[in-house]
Amino acid sequence: MMSRFLRTVFTGLAGLAMTVPAVAQTSMRPTDMSTDEAGMWYQVDKIEQQIKTAGVRVTDPQLVQYVQDVTCKVTGPDCPQIRPYIINAGVFNASMYPNGMMLVNSGLLLRAENEAQLACVIGHEYGHFKELHSLERWRKAKSLANASIFLQLAAGAAGAGGEAGYGVQLMTVLLQQSFSREHEREADKIGFETAAAAGYDVAECADVWTNIISEQESSTFRKVRKRGKGINIFSSHPVPKERAETLAAMAEATPGGEDIGKVEHAAATDKFYAQWLETELLAKDYDRHIHLYNQLKARGRSSGPSDYYIGEAYRKRKEDGDRERAVAAWEAAAAAPGAPAQVWRSLGEHYRRTKQKPQALNAYRKYLAAAPAAPDRELIAAYIDRLTP
């Protein structure tokens, strides 16, 4: 069972899926740390150890090896010091910790069009590690407040005590203290250079942010964020447009490689595609989801799952005409390869409620054929009995 400590740390995440690379751990622990900084390092190490045994771990060897291989390509000799863990979270993000732990969200793997784009982001996180930005961020936090008192009060407020409370609040401090824009620019430069050195087409680095700009502009919550409310996942980074322009200019001035790795990225991630689309819906930002899913389909992702979850986003949004849009998307999914079995259940429900009995009967039968062990099998079988002439 997951400890109270870890449940508190990961509140708000849909779930966890971690990879534990078969790479020996080494340390870049500075020798000039204060007692408090050494304590921070110890706690981050301890958190990593708990992550290894908590939650749902990725068991797919192809995905595990793929993320590790890309990491090693861009980090070179430092590869043994970087340990990526994949988190099932529908947010475009990766984060680096001073002890070499790197968290890679499924939202990043979903949005990356190819291996080159993933390499640019992993290289960026490696830049934070190489330049000890996380340690500097901690030092900044210490200079702004009495961290000892703050941690004690915060741990008490969270109902956590002892080491667990310290560790939870330590993670909170590290996550809330944003990297400076200078640090982000340094990390972008290192990410670009390491991707180029690995032979990737570095024009893809700018495309990452061009895609994110387009997605964010479609967000339901964009106006709310402009009023200073809500959470902006890019608040700790330079403006994406600035990053895209800077990286594009760097690419024009750099004789880059030709490796894009679109086929390799798809081969490693396609089996998780439908699961990650479903995870995204937990954010309830339906305008953005519809935009993202359409973009992913346009970029060559499987249209079956894409159209099904486009329909789900319309169904959940519930604006005028969304029911018709949802049904149209489900029907498109049903005609495409790779559609989840649920598309037939959704269509069956629609047809039954609109008294289209032959269509409902056909859809329900296809649902049970595609998902013979469905948990609602008895209910659907009862519907089939009622609808059968």
Protein backbone atom coordinates (compact mmCIF):
# COMPACT_ATOMS: atom_id res chain seq x y z
CA MET A 1 0.00 0.00 0.00
CA MET A 2 1.27 3.49 -0.85
CA SER A 3 2.36 5.42 2.23
CA ARG A 4 0.62 8.59 3.39
CA PHE A 5 3.85 10.39 2.56
CA LEU A 6 3.78 9.43 -1.11
CA ARG A 7 0.04 9.98 -1.46
CA THR A 8 0.57 13.55 -0.25
CA VAL A 9 3.51 14.13 -2.59
CA PHE A 10 1.59 13.01 -5.65
CA THR A 11 -1.85 14.50 -4.89
CA GLY A 12 -3.51 15.56 -8.12
CA LEU A 13 -1.76 13.08 -10.38
CA ALA A 14 -3.94 10.55 -12.17
CA GLY A 15 -1.46 7.80 -11.34
CA LEU A 16 2.15 6.84 -11.46
CA ALA A 17 4.12 4.74 -13.91
CA MET A 18 7.82 4.59 -13.31
CA THR A 19 10.76 3.16 -15.19
CA VAL A 20 13.81 2.02 -13.30
CA PRO A 21 16.70 1.96 -15.77
CA ALA A 22 19.28 -0.76 -15.45
CA VAL A 23 22.04 1.82 -15.09
CA ALA A 24 24.39 2.06 -12.14
CA GLN A 25 23.76 5.15 -10.01
CA THR A 26 26.62 7.55 -9.48
CA SER A 27 26.56 10.91 -7.73
CA MET A 28 27.26 14.53 -8.57
CA ARG A 29 26.74 15.55 -4.96
CA PRO A 30 28.70 18.77 -4.33
CA THR A 31 31.30 18.63 -1.61
CA ASP A 32 30.63 22.18 -0.32
CA MET A 33 27.04 21.66 0.82
CA SER A 34 25.79 22.96 4.13
CA THR A 35 24.14 20.60 6.62
CA ASP A 36 20.71 21.69 5.42
CA GLU A 37 21.63 21.08 1.79
CA ALA A 38 23.01 17.65 2.63
CA GLY A 39 19.70 16.95 4.36
CA MET A 40 17.84 18.02 1.24
CA TRP A 41 19.92 15.65 -0.87
CA TYR A 42 19.29 12.82 1.56
CA GLN A 43 15.54 13.43 1.42
CA VAL A 44 15.44 13.51 -2.39
CA ASP A 45 17.39 10.23 -2.45
CA LYS A 46 14.90 8.78 0.01
CA ILE A 47 11.94 9.94 -2.04
CA GLU A 48 13.44 8.28 -5.10
CA GLN A 49 13.79 5.01 -3.24
CA GLN A 50 10.10 5.16 -2.28
CA ILE A 51 9.11 6.01 -5.86
CA LYS A 52 10.79 2.82 -7.04
CA THR A 53 8.40 0.67 -5.00
CA ALA A 54 5.23 2.81 -5.07
CA GLY A 55 2.40 3.06 -7.54
CA VAL A 56 2.06 1.33 -10.89
CA ARG A 57 5.39 0.68 -12.54
CA VAL A 58 5.89 0.51 -16.29
CA THR A 59 6.61 -3.08 -17.20
CA ASP A 60 6.75 -2.63 -20.96
CA PRO A 61 10.42 -3.23 -21.78
CA GLN A 62 10.22 -1.39 -25.08
CA LEU A 63 9.10 1.90 -23.54
CA VAL A 64 11.55 1.57 -20.64
CA GLN A 65 14.45 0.97 -22.99
CA TYR A 66 13.35 3.66 -25.42
CA VAL A 67 13.32 6.46 -22.83
CA GLN A 68 16.63 5.25 -21.40
CA ASP A 69 18.25 5.08 -24.84
CA VAL A 70 17.18 8.63 -25.74
CA THR A 71 18.46 9.83 -22.37
CA CYS A 72 21.83 8.20 -22.94
CA LYS A 73 22.12 9.61 -26.46
CA VAL A 74 21.84 13.19 -25.22
CA THR A 75 23.69 12.88 -21.89
CA GLY A 76 26.67 10.90 -23.19
CA PRO A 77 29.21 10.05 -20.48
CA ASP A 78 26.83 11.35 -17.79
CA CYS A 79 24.17 8.77 -18.69
CA PRO A 80 24.85 6.58 -15.62
CA GLN A 81 23.98 9.54 -13.40
CA ILE A 82 20.52 10.19 -14.92
CA ARG A 83 17.59 7.98 -13.93
CA PRO A 84 14.31 8.71 -15.76
CA TYR A 85 10.95 7.73 -14.26
CA ILE A 86 7.82 7.91 -16.39
CA ILE A 87 4.78 9.47 -14.72
CA ASN A 88 1.26 8.91 -16.02
CA ALA A 89 0.27 12.60 -15.88
CA GLY A 90 -1.54 14.51 -18.60
CA VAL A 91 0.71 17.56 -18.50
CA PHE A 92 3.49 18.46 -20.92
CA ASN A 93 6.44 18.36 -18.55
CA ALA A 94 9.66 16.75 -17.42
CA SER A 95 11.55 17.68 -14.28
CA MET A 96 15.07 17.14 -13.05
CA TYR A 97 16.28 16.70 -9.48
CA PRO A 98 19.82 17.30 -8.20
CA ASN A 99 20.51 13.64 -7.42
CA GLY A 100 19.91 12.58 -11.04
CA MET A 101 16.25 11.60 -10.74
CA MET A 102 14.28 12.77 -13.78
CA LEU A 103 10.48 12.58 -14.03
CA VAL A 104 9.08 12.32 -17.56
CA ASN A 105 5.33 12.85 -17.87
CA SER A 106 3.23 10.78 -20.23
CA GLY A 107 1.90 14.14 -21.45
CA LEU A 108 5.35 14.85 -22.88
CA LEU A 109 5.64 11.46 -24.57
CA LEU A 110 2.16 11.94 -26.02
CA ARG A 111 2.89 15.38 -27.48
CA ALA A 112 6.37 14.65 -28.81
CA GLU A 113 5.98 14.02 -32.53
CA ASN A 114 9.25 12.15 -32.75
CA GLU A 115 12.40 11.11 -30.94
CA ALA A 116 14.20 14.36 -31.80
CA GLN A 117 11.61 16.44 -29.96
CA LEU A 118 11.80 14.18 -26.92
CA ALA A 119 15.62 14.43 -27.02
CA CYS A 120 15.43 18.24 -26.98
CA VAL A 121 13.32 18.21 -23.81
CA ILE A 122 15.39 15.54 -22.06
CA GLY A 123 18.52 17.47 -23.01
CA HIS A 124 16.98 20.59 -21.46
CA GLU A 125 16.39 18.74 -18.18
CA TYR A 126 19.93 17.39 -18.32
CA GLY A 127 21.09 21.01 -18.61
CA HIS A 128 19.47 21.77 -15.26
CA PHE A 129 21.28 18.79 -13.76
CA LYS A 130 24.65 19.58 -15.29
CA GLU A 131 24.60 23.21 -14.14
CA LEU A 132 23.31 22.31 -10.63
CA HIS A 133 20.27 24.54 -11.10
CA SER A 134 18.17 22.54 -8.62
CA LEU A 135 20.72 23.13 -5.89
CA GLU A 136 20.81 26.84 -6.71
CA ARG A 137 17.03 26.92 -6.57
CA TRP A 138 17.14 25.41 -3.09
CA ARG A 139 19.72 27.94 -1.97
CA LYS A 140 17.45 30.71 -3.25
CA ALA A 141 14.54 29.32 -1.27
CA LYS A 142 16.70 29.24 1.83
CA SER A 143 17.68 32.88 1.36
CA LEU A 144 14.05 34.01 1.07
CA ALA A 145 12.80 32.50 4.30
CA ASN A 146 13.81 30.51 7.32
CA ALA A 147 13.36 27.10 5.71
CA SER A 148 13.55 25.25 9.00
CA ILE A 149 10.62 27.13 10.51
CA PHE A 150 8.67 27.06 7.25
CA LEU A 151 9.05 23.32 6.88
CA GLN A 152 7.97 22.66 10.45
CA LEU A 153 4.86 24.81 10.10
CA ALA A 154 3.98 23.40 6.70
CA ALA A 155 4.49 19.84 7.86
CA GLY A 156 2.18 20.47 10.79
CA ALA A 157 -0.45 22.00 8.52
CA ALA A 158 -0.28 18.99 6.25
CA GLY A 159 -0.73 16.65 9.19
CA ALA A 160 2.59 14.98 8.48
CA GLY A 161 5.31 14.61 11.04
CA GLY A 162 8.94 13.70 11.32
CA GLU A 163 10.92 12.76 8.27
CA ALA A 164 7.82 12.24 6.16
CA GLY A 165 6.59 15.78 6.81
CA TYR A 166 10.03 17.18 6.03
CA GLY A 167 10.24 15.22 2.81
CA VAL A 168 6.77 16.24 1.63
CA GLN A 169 7.41 19.90 2.26
CA LEU A 170 10.87 19.69 0.74
CA MET A 171 9.30 18.48 -2.48
CA THR A 172 6.76 21.31 -2.25
CA VAL A 173 9.52 23.90 -1.91
CA LEU A 174 11.48 22.47 -4.81
CA LEU A 175 8.40 22.38 -7.03
CA GLN A 176 7.17 25.86 -6.11
CA GLN A 177 10.52 27.59 -6.48
CA SER A 178 10.70 28.09 -10.23
CA PHE A 179 13.93 28.00 -12.14
CA SER A 180 14.97 31.50 -13.14
CA ARG A 181 14.57 32.50 -16.76
CA GLU A 182 18.36 32.59 -16.98
CA HIS A 183 18.48 28.97 -15.85
CA GLU A 184 15.81 28.02 -18.36
CA ARG A 185 17.71 29.65 -21.19
CA GLU A 186 20.93 27.92 -20.14
CA ALA A 187 19.10 24.59 -20.05
CA ASP A 188 17.57 25.25 -23.49
CA LYS A 189 21.03 25.92 -24.90
CA ILE A 190 22.45 22.73 -23.40
CA GLY A 191 19.46 20.73 -24.57
CA PHE A 192 19.90 22.07 -28.09
CA GLU A 193 23.63 21.38 -28.12
CA THR A 194 23.34 17.85 -26.75
CA ALA A 195 20.58 16.99 -29.23
CA ALA A 196 22.73 18.34 -32.08
CA ALA A 197 25.76 16.39 -30.86
CA ALA A 198 23.64 13.22 -30.82
CA GLY A 199 22.80 13.75 -34.49
CA TYR A 200 19.19 14.85 -34.12
CA ASP A 201 17.49 17.36 -36.40
CA VAL A 202 17.51 20.33 -34.01
CA ALA A 203 14.83 22.18 -35.97
CA GLU A 204 12.50 19.91 -34.00
CA CYS A 205 13.43 21.70 -30.76
CA ALA A 206 11.51 24.81 -31.84
CA ASP A 207 8.60 22.74 -33.13
CA VAL A 208 7.99 21.41 -29.61
CA TRP A 209 7.12 24.92 -28.46
CA THR A 210 5.25 25.90 -31.62
CA ASN A 211 2.89 22.99 -30.96
CA ILE A 212 2.51 23.92 -27.30
CA ILE A 213 1.67 27.54 -28.16
CA SER A 214 -1.07 26.36 -30.49
CA GLU A 215 -2.46 24.03 -27.84
CA GLN A 216 -2.44 26.60 -25.06
CA GLU A 217 -4.20 29.19 -27.21
CA SER A 218 -7.13 26.77 -27.49
CA SER A 219 -7.43 26.27 -23.72
CA THR A 220 -10.78 26.73 -22.03
CA PHE A 221 -8.96 28.23 -19.06
CA ARG A 222 -6.80 30.69 -20.99
CA LYS A 223 -8.90 33.73 -20.08
CA VAL A 224 -8.99 32.65 -16.45
CA ARG A 225 -5.21 32.44 -16.38
CA LYS A 226 -4.93 35.88 -17.93
CA ARG A 227 -6.90 37.23 -14.97
CA GLY A 228 -4.31 35.74 -12.67
CA LYS A 229 -6.40 32.78 -11.57
CA GLY A 230 -5.77 29.11 -12.01
CA ILE A 231 -2.46 27.39 -12.65
CA ASN A 232 -0.30 28.13 -15.65
CA ILE A 233 1.99 25.17 -16.27
CA PHE A 234 4.40 27.42 -18.15
CA SER A 235 4.81 30.06 -15.43
CA SER A 236 8.28 28.76 -14.56
CA HIS A 237 9.57 28.98 -18.12
CA PRO A 238 10.38 31.76 -20.55
CA VAL A 239 7.41 32.61 -22.75
CA PRO A 240 6.99 29.67 -25.20
CA LYS A 241 6.98 32.03 -28.22
CA GLU A 242 10.36 33.40 -27.14
CA ARG A 243 11.72 29.88 -26.73
CA ALA A 244 10.44 28.78 -30.12
CA GLU A 245 11.95 31.82 -31.85
CA THR A 246 15.30 31.45 -30.08
CA LEU A 247 15.56 27.75 -30.81
CA ALA A 248 14.55 28.26 -34.44
CA ALA A 249 17.29 30.88 -34.86
CA MET A 250 19.83 28.53 -33.29
CA ALA A 251 18.76 25.76 -35.66
CA GLU A 252 19.23 27.98 -38.70
CA ALA A 253 22.77 28.78 -37.59
CA THR A 254 23.66 25.20 -36.73
CA PRO A 255 24.45 22.45 -39.22
CA GLY A 256 22.27 19.87 -37.54
CA GLY A 257 21.83 16.16 -37.94
CA GLU A 258 19.08 14.47 -39.88
CA ASP A 259 17.81 12.02 -37.26
CA ILE A 260 14.15 12.63 -36.43
CA GLY A 261 13.06 9.21 -35.19
CA LYS A 262 9.34 9.45 -35.94
CA VAL A 263 8.95 5.72 -36.59
CA GLU A 264 10.96 4.79 -33.48
CA HIS A 265 8.92 7.10 -31.26
CA ALA A 266 5.64 5.73 -32.56
CA ALA A 267 6.81 2.14 -32.13
CA ALA A 268 7.64 2.74 -28.46
CA THR A 269 4.57 4.79 -27.52
CA ASP A 270 1.64 3.73 -29.74
CA LYS A 271 0.42 1.00 -27.40
CA PHE A 272 -0.09 3.63 -24.68
CA TYR A 273 -1.76 6.17 -26.95
CA ALA A 274 -5.40 5.53 -25.96
CA GLN A 275 -4.51 5.35 -22.26
CA TRP A 276 -2.72 8.70 -22.41
CA LEU A 277 -5.59 10.34 -24.28
CA GLU A 278 -7.92 9.23 -21.49
CA THR A 279 -5.53 10.56 -18.85
CA GLU A 280 -5.58 13.98 -20.52
CA LEU A 281 -9.34 14.25 -20.00
CA LEU A 282 -8.85 14.39 -16.24
CA ALA A 283 -7.83 18.05 -16.64
CA LYS A 284 -11.36 18.87 -17.93
CA ASP A 285 -9.96 21.46 -20.36
CA TYR A 286 -12.15 20.17 -23.16
CA ASP A 287 -11.47 22.84 -25.79
CA ARG A 288 -7.76 22.15 -25.43
CA HIS A 289 -8.29 18.37 -25.48
CA ILE A 290 -10.29 18.58 -28.72
CA HIS A 291 -7.59 20.73 -30.29
CA LEU A 292 -4.78 18.44 -29.11
CA TYR A 293 -6.48 15.23 -30.25
CA ASN A 294 -7.18 16.68 -33.68
CA GLN A 295 -3.56 17.82 -33.95
CA LEU A 296 -2.25 14.41 -32.93
CA LYS A 297 -4.43 12.78 -35.57
CA ALA A 298 -3.19 15.25 -38.18
CA ARG A 299 0.40 14.41 -37.22
CA GLY A 300 -0.21 10.75 -38.03
CA ARG A 301 -1.39 9.24 -34.75
CA SER A 302 -3.99 6.48 -34.97
CA SER A 303 -7.37 7.94 -35.94
CA GLY A 304 -9.41 5.27 -34.14
CA PRO A 305 -8.43 6.28 -30.59
CA SER A 306 -8.12 9.95 -31.60
CA ASP A 307 -11.69 10.17 -32.89
CA TYR A 308 -13.11 8.20 -29.97
CA TYR A 309 -11.59 10.57 -27.41
CA ILE A 310 -12.52 13.61 -29.49
CA GLY A 311 -16.06 12.32 -29.10
CA GLU A 312 -15.55 11.84 -25.36
CA ALA A 313 -14.32 15.42 -25.01
CA TYR A 314 -17.43 16.70 -26.80
CA ARG A 315 -19.65 14.50 -24.64
CA LYS A 316 -18.11 15.82 -21.46
CA ARG A 317 -18.08 19.46 -22.62
CA LYS A 318 -21.87 19.47 -23.13
CA GLU A 319 -22.18 22.63 -25.20
CA ASP A 320 -24.92 23.11 -27.81
CA GLY A 321 -24.43 20.59 -30.59
CA ASP A 322 -21.78 18.60 -28.71
CA ARG A 323 -23.87 15.42 -28.56
CA GLU A 324 -24.11 15.40 -32.37
CA ARG A 325 -20.39 16.16 -32.65
CA ALA A 326 -19.60 13.34 -30.24
CA VAL A 327 -21.66 10.82 -32.20
CA ALA A 328 -20.04 11.90 -35.48
CA ALA A 329 -16.59 11.42 -33.93
CA TRP A 330 -17.52 7.98 -32.55
CA GLU A 331 -18.86 6.90 -35.93
CA ALA A 332 -15.61 8.04 -37.56
CA ALA A 333 -13.65 6.09 -34.92
CA ALA A 334 -15.74 2.96 -35.51
CA ALA A 335 -14.81 3.07 -39.20
CA ALA A 336 -11.08 3.47 -38.47
CA PRO A 337 -8.51 0.91 -37.30
CA GLY A 338 -7.46 0.78 -33.67
CA ALA A 339 -10.64 2.17 -32.11
CA PRO A 340 -11.15 1.23 -28.43
CA ALA A 341 -13.96 -1.24 -27.74
CA GLN A 342 -15.75 1.50 -25.80
CA VAL A 343 -16.66 3.24 -29.05
CA TRP A 344 -19.23 0.54 -29.72
CA ARG A 345 -20.68 0.89 -26.24
CA SER A 346 -20.96 4.66 -26.65
CA LEU A 347 -22.67 4.26 -30.00
CA GLY A 348 -24.94 1.56 -28.61
CA GLU A 349 -26.05 3.86 -25.81
CA HIS A 350 -26.74 6.67 -28.25
CA TYR A 351 -28.70 4.49 -30.64
CA ARG A 352 -30.71 2.89 -27.83
CA ARG A 353 -31.67 6.25 -26.32
CA THR A 354 -32.66 7.60 -29.73
CA LYS A 355 -34.72 4.43 -30.39
CA GLN A 356 -32.58 3.23 -33.31
CA LYS A 357 -32.92 -0.41 -32.26
CA PRO A 358 -31.12 -2.19 -35.14
CA GLN A 359 -28.13 0.13 -34.87
CA ALA A 360 -28.05 -0.23 -31.08
CA LEU A 361 -28.20 -4.01 -31.29
CA ASN A 362 -25.36 -4.09 -33.82
CA ALA A 363 -23.20 -1.74 -31.75
CA TYR A 364 -23.74 -3.66 -28.50
CA ARG A 365 -22.85 -6.96 -30.17
CA LYS A 366 -19.66 -5.48 -31.58
CA TYR A 367 -18.79 -4.11 -28.14
CA LEU A 368 -19.02 -7.52 -26.48
CA ALA A 369 -17.14 -9.14 -29.33
CA ALA A 370 -14.32 -6.62 -28.91
CA ALA A 371 -14.39 -6.76 -25.08
CA PRO A 372 -15.62 -10.23 -24.04
CA ALA A 373 -14.50 -9.67 -20.44
CA ALA A 374 -16.11 -6.22 -20.12
CA PRO A 375 -17.21 -5.53 -16.52
CA ASP A 376 -20.65 -4.46 -17.77
CA ARG A 377 -21.12 -7.54 -19.92
CA GLU A 378 -24.27 -8.70 -18.10
CA LEU A 379 -25.91 -5.31 -18.47
CA ILE A 380 -25.11 -5.10 -22.19
CA ALA A 381 -26.27 -8.70 -22.70
CA ALA A 382 -29.60 -7.72 -21.09
CA TYR A 383 -29.91 -4.80 -23.52
CA ILE A 384 -29.21 -7.15 -26.41
CA ASP A 385 -31.95 -9.54 -25.22
CA ARG A 386 -34.45 -6.68 -25.05
CA LEU A 387 -33.52 -5.32 -28.46
CA THR A 388 -33.49 -8.67 -30.26
CA PRO A 389 -36.67 -9.12 -32.34
